[in-house]
Amino acid sequence: MNPNNILIVDDDSFVREILVDILESEDFKTDTAENGLDALNKYKENSSKFDLIVSDINMPIMGGVDLIKALRNDVQSEIPVVVLSGNNEVAIAIDAINSGASEYILKDENLQETIVLALNKALEKKRIV
């Protein structure tokens, strides 16, 4: 089975590096983007390359919720988007889910376990659908 290709979107290069390390150690392939607009452009260039997007919420230029809305409305894509955020405000999480996020998880000390579980759950749901 080919490894799933994950697009990691975060304005913090340290977070991107940690996620690349975590996901590649779990046999995922990764690509990165610094903000939602960069991610949207990469996705539009080659949508078949990506199986799932992991996105932060608060980023300059285009945040995570706007990225999800653009994917769902402008591009008409159903690609799973797992939001990984340091923002624990319930209203933000609800907005992300209502906009089409598959999961909303917090950056915490259990990140490695949490992100891998969330990605596998979202990818399994995609396979079923």
C-alpha atoms as a PDB file:
ATOM      1  CA  MET A   1       0.000   0.000   0.000  1.00  0.00           C
ATOM      2  CA  ASN A   2       1.288   3.451  -0.880  1.00  0.00           C
ATOM      3  CA  PRO A   3       1.840   5.796   2.043  1.00  0.00           C
ATOM      4  CA  ASN A   4      -0.667   8.590   2.442  1.00  0.00           C
ATOM      5  CA  ASN A   5       0.573  12.034   1.470  1.00  0.00           C
ATOM      6  CA  ILE A   6      -0.189  14.707   4.064  1.00  0.00           C
ATOM      7  CA  LEU A   7      -0.013  18.467   3.458  1.00  0.00           C
ATOM      8  CA  ILE A   8       1.053  20.193   6.693  1.00  0.00           C
ATOM      9  CA  VAL A   9       0.007  23.844   6.983  1.00  0.00           C
ATOM     10  CA  ASP A  10       1.435  25.946   9.815  1.00  0.00           C
ATOM     11  CA  ASP A  11       3.110  29.348   9.944  1.00  0.00           C
ATOM     12  CA  ASP A  12       5.573  28.099  12.578  1.00  0.00           C
ATOM     13  CA  SER A  13       8.526  26.311  10.938  1.00  0.00           C
ATOM     14  CA  PHE A  14       9.326  24.476  14.191  1.00  0.00           C
ATOM     15  CA  VAL A  15       5.807  22.990  14.322  1.00  0.00           C
ATOM     16  CA  ARG A  16       6.051  21.994  10.660  1.00  0.00           C
ATOM     17  CA  GLU A  17       9.379  20.237  11.316  1.00  0.00           C
ATOM     18  CA  ILE A  18       7.988  18.366  14.336  1.00  0.00           C
ATOM     19  CA  LEU A  19       4.949  17.226  12.366  1.00  0.00           C
ATOM     20  CA  VAL A  20       7.092  16.101   9.431  1.00  0.00           C
ATOM     21  CA  ASP A  21       9.257  14.062  11.831  1.00  0.00           C
ATOM     22  CA  ILE A  22       6.241  12.514  13.578  1.00  0.00           C
ATOM     23  CA  LEU A  23       4.344  11.669  10.408  1.00  0.00           C
ATOM     24  CA  GLU A  24       7.288  10.404   8.393  1.00  0.00           C
ATOM     25  CA  SER A  25       8.242   8.123  11.312  1.00  0.00           C
ATOM     26  CA  GLU A  26       4.725   6.660  10.908  1.00  0.00           C
ATOM     27  CA  ASP A  27       5.294   6.094   7.157  1.00  0.00           C
ATOM     28  CA  PHE A  28       3.300   9.074   5.910  1.00  0.00           C
ATOM     29  CA  LYS A  29       4.701  11.180   3.084  1.00  0.00           C
ATOM     30  CA  THR A  30       4.591  14.919   3.785  1.00  0.00           C
ATOM     31  CA  ASP A  31       4.663  18.294   2.102  1.00  0.00           C
ATOM     32  CA  THR A  32       4.428  21.651   3.861  1.00  0.00           C
ATOM     33  CA  ALA A  33       2.910  25.098   3.440  1.00  0.00           C
ATOM     34  CA  GLU A  34       3.386  28.247   5.536  1.00  0.00           C
ATOM     35  CA  ASN A  35      -0.224  29.486   5.366  1.00  0.00           C
ATOM     36  CA  GLY A  36      -3.630  28.667   3.972  1.00  0.00           C
ATOM     37  CA  LEU A  37      -3.110  30.447   0.673  1.00  0.00           C
ATOM     38  CA  ASP A  38       0.159  28.599   0.034  1.00  0.00           C
ATOM     39  CA  ALA A  39      -1.611  25.319   0.874  1.00  0.00           C
ATOM     40  CA  LEU A  40      -4.588  26.120  -1.355  1.00  0.00           C
ATOM     41  CA  ASN A  41      -2.282  26.867  -4.285  1.00  0.00           C
ATOM     42  CA  LYS A  42      -0.312  23.630  -3.747  1.00  0.00           C
ATOM     43  CA  TYR A  43      -3.568  21.691  -3.572  1.00  0.00           C
ATOM     44  CA  LYS A  44      -4.953  23.315  -6.734  1.00  0.00           C
ATOM     45  CA  GLU A  45      -1.715  22.525  -8.615  1.00  0.00           C
ATOM     46  CA  ASN A  46      -1.982  18.799  -7.862  1.00  0.00           C
ATOM     47  CA  SER A  47      -5.023  17.785  -5.817  1.00  0.00           C
ATOM     48  CA  SER A  48      -4.488  14.090  -6.506  1.00  0.00           C
ATOM     49  CA  LYS A  49      -1.118  14.267  -4.727  1.00  0.00           C
ATOM     50  CA  PHE A  50      -2.662  14.825  -1.279  1.00  0.00           C
ATOM     51  CA  ASP A  51      -4.790  12.478   0.822  1.00  0.00           C
ATOM     52  CA  LEU A  52      -5.268  14.760   3.826  1.00  0.00           C
ATOM     53  CA  ILE A  53      -4.420  18.253   5.090  1.00  0.00           C
ATOM     54  CA  VAL A  54      -3.300  19.106   8.630  1.00  0.00           C
ATOM     55  CA  SER A  55      -3.800  22.807   9.250  1.00  0.00           C
ATOM     56  CA  ASP A  56      -3.280  25.340  12.002  1.00  0.00           C
ATOM     57  CA  ILE A  57      -6.119  27.828  12.582  1.00  0.00           C
ATOM     58  CA  ASN A  58      -4.384  31.148  13.193  1.00  0.00           C
ATOM     59  CA  MET A  59      -2.002  32.024  10.357  1.00  0.00           C
ATOM     60  CA  PRO A  60      -1.199  35.190   8.430  1.00  0.00           C
ATOM     61  CA  ILE A  61      -2.509  35.708   4.874  1.00  0.00           C
ATOM     62  CA  MET A  62      -5.107  32.891   5.099  1.00  0.00           C
ATOM     63  CA  GLY A  63      -6.062  31.039   8.259  1.00  0.00           C
ATOM     64  CA  GLY A  64      -7.279  27.483   8.652  1.00  0.00           C
ATOM     65  CA  VAL A  65     -11.019  28.165   8.605  1.00  0.00           C
ATOM     66  CA  ASP A  66     -10.691  30.229   5.411  1.00  0.00           C
ATOM     67  CA  LEU A  67      -8.628  27.423   3.872  1.00  0.00           C
ATOM     68  CA  ILE A  68     -11.330  24.880   4.708  1.00  0.00           C
ATOM     69  CA  LYS A  69     -14.059  27.143   3.294  1.00  0.00           C
ATOM     70  CA  ALA A  70     -12.052  27.678   0.097  1.00  0.00           C
ATOM     71  CA  LEU A  71     -11.505  23.935  -0.293  1.00  0.00           C
ATOM     72  CA  ARG A  72     -15.176  23.133   0.266  1.00  0.00           C
ATOM     73  CA  ASN A  73     -16.757  26.031  -1.648  1.00  0.00           C
ATOM     74  CA  ASP A  74     -14.315  27.219  -4.334  1.00  0.00           C
ATOM     75  CA  VAL A  75     -12.473  24.018  -5.160  1.00  0.00           C
ATOM     76  CA  GLN A  76     -15.407  21.686  -4.312  1.00  0.00           C
ATOM     77  CA  SER A  77     -13.020  19.290  -2.564  1.00  0.00           C
ATOM     78  CA  GLU A  78     -13.908  16.815   0.140  1.00  0.00           C
ATOM     79  CA  ILE A  79     -10.286  16.212   1.179  1.00  0.00           C
ATOM     80  CA  PRO A  80     -10.149  15.544   4.926  1.00  0.00           C
ATOM     81  CA  VAL A  81      -8.762  18.472   6.923  1.00  0.00           C
ATOM     82  CA  VAL A  82      -7.533  17.866  10.463  1.00  0.00           C
ATOM     83  CA  VAL A  83      -7.150  21.115  12.373  1.00  0.00           C
ATOM     84  CA  LEU A  84      -4.235  21.152  14.783  1.00  0.00           C
ATOM     85  CA  SER A  85      -4.328  24.288  16.884  1.00  0.00           C
ATOM     86  CA  GLY A  86      -3.098  25.838  20.077  1.00  0.00           C
ATOM     87  CA  ASN A  87      -6.430  27.654  20.292  1.00  0.00           C
ATOM     88  CA  ASN A  88      -8.788  25.901  22.711  1.00  0.00           C
ATOM     89  CA  GLU A  89     -11.743  28.270  22.245  1.00  0.00           C
ATOM     90  CA  VAL A  90     -14.871  26.195  21.671  1.00  0.00           C
ATOM     91  CA  ALA A  91     -16.348  28.731  19.235  1.00  0.00           C
ATOM     92  CA  ILE A  92     -13.291  28.452  16.962  1.00  0.00           C
ATOM     93  CA  ALA A  93     -13.457  24.647  17.046  1.00  0.00           C
ATOM     94  CA  ILE A  94     -17.175  24.707  16.208  1.00  0.00           C
ATOM     95  CA  ASP A  95     -16.544  27.139  13.331  1.00  0.00           C
ATOM     96  CA  ALA A  96     -13.830  24.853  11.938  1.00  0.00           C
ATOM     97  CA  ILE A  97     -16.019  21.735  12.186  1.00  0.00           C
ATOM     98  CA  ASN A  98     -19.039  23.535  10.705  1.00  0.00           C
ATOM     99  CA  SER A  99     -16.832  24.736   7.840  1.00  0.00           C
ATOM    100  CA  GLY A 100     -15.878  21.148   7.034  1.00  0.00           C
ATOM    101  CA  ALA A 101     -12.947  20.134   9.230  1.00  0.00           C
ATOM    102  CA  SER A 102     -12.776  16.393   9.905  1.00  0.00           C
ATOM    103  CA  GLU A 103     -11.198  16.797  13.336  1.00  0.00           C
ATOM    104  CA  TYR A 104     -10.100  19.593  15.673  1.00  0.00           C
ATOM    105  CA  ILE A 105      -7.236  18.687  17.973  1.00  0.00           C
ATOM    106  CA  LEU A 106      -5.045  20.719  20.276  1.00  0.00           C
ATOM    107  CA  LYS A 107      -1.284  21.001  20.236  1.00  0.00           C
ATOM    108  CA  ASP A 108      -0.312  19.423  23.545  1.00  0.00           C
ATOM    109  CA  GLU A 109       2.148  17.018  25.139  1.00  0.00           C
ATOM    110  CA  ASN A 110       0.339  14.032  23.571  1.00  0.00           C
ATOM    111  CA  LEU A 111       0.712  15.432  20.058  1.00  0.00           C
ATOM    112  CA  GLN A 112       2.425  12.402  18.552  1.00  0.00           C
ATOM    113  CA  GLU A 113      -0.293   9.970  19.616  1.00  0.00           C
ATOM    114  CA  THR A 114      -3.157  12.392  19.020  1.00  0.00           C
ATOM    115  CA  ILE A 115      -2.171  13.455  15.505  1.00  0.00           C
ATOM    116  CA  VAL A 116      -1.547   9.925  14.263  1.00  0.00           C
ATOM    117  CA  LEU A 117      -4.887   8.713  15.660  1.00  0.00           C
ATOM    118  CA  ALA A 118      -6.742  11.692  14.159  1.00  0.00           C
ATOM    119  CA  LEU A 119      -5.150  11.195  10.744  1.00  0.00           C
ATOM    120  CA  ASN A 120      -5.849   7.473  10.679  1.00  0.00           C
ATOM    121  CA  LYS A 121      -9.465   8.093  11.738  1.00  0.00           C
ATOM    122  CA  ALA A 122      -9.992  10.758   9.048  1.00  0.00           C
ATOM    123  CA  LEU A 123      -8.348   8.612   6.360  1.00  0.00           C
ATOM    124  CA  GLU A 124     -10.443   5.586   7.326  1.00  0.00           C
ATOM    125  CA  LYS A 125     -13.611   7.683   7.134  1.00  0.00           C
ATOM    126  CA  LYS A 126     -12.502   8.884   3.669  1.00  0.00           C
ATOM    127  CA  ARG A 127     -11.974   5.272   2.542  1.00  0.00           C
ATOM    128  CA  ILE A 128     -15.418   4.244   3.803  1.00  0.00           C
ATOM    129  CA  VAL A 129     -17.164   7.164   2.107  1.00  0.00           C
END
